Amino acid sequence: MKIDGCECKYLANICSDGRLYYGGWTNVQCIPNPLPDNMVALDTFPTDETAKDGGSDYKWDGEKLIYDPVPEEERERRRREIYLEKTGLTPEEYAAKYGSGGDA
């Protein structure tokens, strides 16, 4: 895919269960060759709502992407962990300390 005149691929890490994470479009000149075992570079990637969250609603089976949405309870647990890691507080603790005004 061309982005701003640059040839790009969707580069993502692969979790031990095959789920993608930290994915995003990357200039092909910045992609390591060979790729580490825990990464995939794709020529195309969905652009709809399923593509948010770094591709975590997809799994890589070594040959193709499989749409496998993260259950909402798991997604919320992951968001809380990230929030805690970024702020050092749970969302409730953050709101109590600073007001209910924002995301981490």
C-alpha atoms as a PDB file:
ATOM      1  CA  MET A   1       0.000   0.000   0.000  1.00  0.00           C
ATOM      2  CA  LYS A   2       1.242   3.495  -0.754  1.00  0.00           C
ATOM      3  CA  ILE A   3       0.988   6.046   2.034  1.00  0.00           C
ATOM      4  CA  ASP A   4       2.167   9.589   1.307  1.00  0.00           C
ATOM      5  CA  GLY A   5       4.090   8.226  -1.679  1.00  0.00           C
ATOM      6  CA  CYS A   6       5.907   5.570   0.370  1.00  0.00           C
ATOM      7  CA  GLU A   7       5.498   1.829  -0.104  1.00  0.00           C
ATOM      8  CA  CYS A   8       4.228   0.440   3.208  1.00  0.00           C
ATOM      9  CA  LYS A   9       3.262  -2.881   4.762  1.00  0.00           C
ATOM     10  CA  TYR A  10       1.261  -3.623   7.870  1.00  0.00           C
ATOM     11  CA  LEU A  11       3.856  -4.728  10.425  1.00  0.00           C
ATOM     12  CA  ALA A  12       2.671  -6.423  13.621  1.00  0.00           C
ATOM     13  CA  ASN A  13       3.994  -8.487  16.475  1.00  0.00           C
ATOM     14  CA  ILE A  14       2.550 -11.956  16.981  1.00  0.00           C
ATOM     15  CA  CYS A  15       1.630 -13.158  20.472  1.00  0.00           C
ATOM     16  CA  SER A  16       2.242 -16.788  21.462  1.00  0.00           C
ATOM     17  CA  ASP A  17      -1.430 -17.565  20.684  1.00  0.00           C
ATOM     18  CA  GLY A  18      -1.079 -16.072  17.184  1.00  0.00           C
ATOM     19  CA  ARG A  19      -2.928 -12.858  18.013  1.00  0.00           C
ATOM     20  CA  LEU A  20      -1.509  -9.689  16.482  1.00  0.00           C
ATOM     21  CA  TYR A  21      -0.532  -6.679  18.591  1.00  0.00           C
ATOM     22  CA  TYR A  22       1.252  -3.334  18.177  1.00  0.00           C
ATOM     23  CA  GLY A  23       0.465  -3.377  14.470  1.00  0.00           C
ATOM     24  CA  GLY A  24       0.656  -0.439  12.108  1.00  0.00           C
ATOM     25  CA  TRP A  25       1.604   0.655   8.607  1.00  0.00           C
ATOM     26  CA  THR A  26       5.379   0.861   8.221  1.00  0.00           C
ATOM     27  CA  ASN A  27       7.612   2.048   5.398  1.00  0.00           C
ATOM     28  CA  VAL A  28       9.077  -1.075   3.760  1.00  0.00           C
ATOM     29  CA  GLN A  29      12.557   0.434   4.088  1.00  0.00           C
ATOM     30  CA  CYS A  30      12.180   0.252   7.890  1.00  0.00           C
ATOM     31  CA  ILE A  31      11.115  -3.400   8.040  1.00  0.00           C
ATOM     32  CA  PRO A  32      13.856  -5.789   9.183  1.00  0.00           C
ATOM     33  CA  ASN A  33      14.924  -8.489   6.753  1.00  0.00           C
ATOM     34  CA  PRO A  34      14.645 -11.227   7.761  1.00  0.00           C
ATOM     35  CA  LEU A  35      11.687 -10.609  10.041  1.00  0.00           C
ATOM     36  CA  PRO A  36      11.958 -11.895  13.604  1.00  0.00           C
ATOM     37  CA  ASP A  37       9.874 -15.023  14.245  1.00  0.00           C
ATOM     38  CA  ASN A  38       7.346 -13.048  16.273  1.00  0.00           C
ATOM     39  CA  MET A  39       6.519 -10.515  13.517  1.00  0.00           C
ATOM     40  CA  VAL A  40       4.534 -10.456  10.300  1.00  0.00           C
ATOM     41  CA  ALA A  41       4.540  -7.944   7.422  1.00  0.00           C
ATOM     42  CA  LEU A  42       1.336  -7.893   5.379  1.00  0.00           C
ATOM     43  CA  ASP A  43       0.669  -6.209   2.036  1.00  0.00           C
ATOM     44  CA  THR A  44      -2.948  -5.566   2.985  1.00  0.00           C
ATOM     45  CA  PHE A  45      -4.859  -5.230   6.212  1.00  0.00           C
ATOM     46  CA  PRO A  46      -8.531  -4.412   6.903  1.00  0.00           C
ATOM     47  CA  THR A  47      -9.363  -0.729   7.252  1.00  0.00           C
ATOM     48  CA  ASP A  48     -12.726  -1.090   9.019  1.00  0.00           C
ATOM     49  CA  GLU A  49     -13.490  -1.143  12.758  1.00  0.00           C
ATOM     50  CA  THR A  50     -11.896  -4.592  13.105  1.00  0.00           C
ATOM     51  CA  ALA A  51      -8.484  -3.064  12.410  1.00  0.00           C
ATOM     52  CA  LYS A  52      -8.302  -0.967  15.559  1.00  0.00           C
ATOM     53  CA  ASP A  53      -6.295  -1.918  18.648  1.00  0.00           C
ATOM     54  CA  GLY A  54      -3.179  -2.842  16.641  1.00  0.00           C
ATOM     55  CA  GLY A  55      -4.886  -5.773  14.972  1.00  0.00           C
ATOM     56  CA  SER A  56      -5.625  -7.689  18.156  1.00  0.00           C
ATOM     57  CA  ASP A  57      -8.909  -8.978  16.707  1.00  0.00           C
ATOM     58  CA  TYR A  58      -6.867 -11.023  14.226  1.00  0.00           C
ATOM     59  CA  LYS A  59      -4.701 -14.092  14.518  1.00  0.00           C
ATOM     60  CA  TRP A  60      -1.925 -15.135  12.149  1.00  0.00           C
ATOM     61  CA  ASP A  61      -1.784 -18.865  11.430  1.00  0.00           C
ATOM     62  CA  GLY A  62       1.511 -18.655   9.547  1.00  0.00           C
ATOM     63  CA  GLU A  63      -0.188 -18.230   6.170  1.00  0.00           C
ATOM     64  CA  LYS A  64      -3.300 -16.080   6.569  1.00  0.00           C
ATOM     65  CA  LEU A  65      -5.168 -13.735   8.889  1.00  0.00           C
ATOM     66  CA  ILE A  66      -8.103 -15.111  10.816  1.00  0.00           C
ATOM     67  CA  TYR A  67     -10.696 -12.747  12.252  1.00  0.00           C
ATOM     68  CA  ASP A  68     -11.144 -13.771  15.897  1.00  0.00           C
ATOM     69  CA  PRO A  69     -12.447 -10.869  17.991  1.00  0.00           C
ATOM     70  CA  VAL A  70     -11.179 -10.542  21.525  1.00  0.00           C
ATOM     71  CA  PRO A  71     -14.096 -11.143  23.930  1.00  0.00           C
ATOM     72  CA  GLU A  72     -15.287  -7.859  25.447  1.00  0.00           C
ATOM     73  CA  GLU A  73     -14.370  -8.950  28.999  1.00  0.00           C
ATOM     74  CA  GLU A  74     -10.804  -9.702  27.877  1.00  0.00           C
ATOM     75  CA  ARG A  75     -10.585  -6.409  25.961  1.00  0.00           C
ATOM     76  CA  GLU A  76     -11.680  -4.494  29.078  1.00  0.00           C
ATOM     77  CA  ARG A  77      -9.164  -6.382  31.246  1.00  0.00           C
ATOM     78  CA  ARG A  78      -6.367  -5.501  28.786  1.00  0.00           C
ATOM     79  CA  ARG A  79      -7.425  -1.833  28.675  1.00  0.00           C
ATOM     80  CA  ARG A  80      -7.367  -1.671  32.476  1.00  0.00           C
ATOM     81  CA  GLU A  81      -3.874  -3.224  32.557  1.00  0.00           C
ATOM     82  CA  ILE A  82      -2.604  -0.699  30.008  1.00  0.00           C
ATOM     83  CA  TYR A  83      -4.231   2.165  31.930  1.00  0.00           C
ATOM     84  CA  LEU A  84      -2.607   0.983  35.155  1.00  0.00           C
ATOM     85  CA  GLU A  85       0.765   0.622  33.430  1.00  0.00           C
ATOM     86  CA  LYS A  86       0.555   4.130  31.917  1.00  0.00           C
ATOM     87  CA  THR A  87      -0.739   5.975  34.993  1.00  0.00           C
ATOM     88  CA  GLY A  88       0.111   3.765  37.949  1.00  0.00           C
ATOM     89  CA  LEU A  89      -3.562   3.941  38.917  1.00  0.00           C
ATOM     90  CA  THR A  90      -6.761   2.102  38.044  1.00  0.00           C
ATOM     91  CA  PRO A  91      -9.299   4.195  36.092  1.00  0.00           C
ATOM     92  CA  GLU A  92     -11.327   4.560  39.302  1.00  0.00           C
ATOM     93  CA  GLU A  93      -8.290   5.698  41.327  1.00  0.00           C
ATOM     94  CA  TYR A  94      -7.340   8.138  38.557  1.00  0.00           C
ATOM     95  CA  ALA A  95     -10.861   9.604  38.465  1.00  0.00           C
ATOM     96  CA  ALA A  96     -10.931   9.960  42.267  1.00  0.00           C
ATOM     97  CA  LYS A  97      -7.562  11.694  42.294  1.00  0.00           C
ATOM     98  CA  TYR A  98      -7.838  13.907  39.194  1.00  0.00           C
ATOM     99  CA  GLY A  99     -11.556  13.992  38.359  1.00  0.00           C
ATOM    100  CA  SER A 100     -13.345  12.084  35.655  1.00  0.00           C
ATOM    101  CA  GLY A 101     -11.926  14.187  32.860  1.00  0.00           C
ATOM    102  CA  GLY A 102      -9.747  12.003  30.762  1.00  0.00           C
ATOM    103  CA  ASP A 103      -8.046   8.987  29.403  1.00  0.00           C
ATOM    104  CA  ALA A 104      -4.503   8.023  30.268  1.00  0.00           C
END
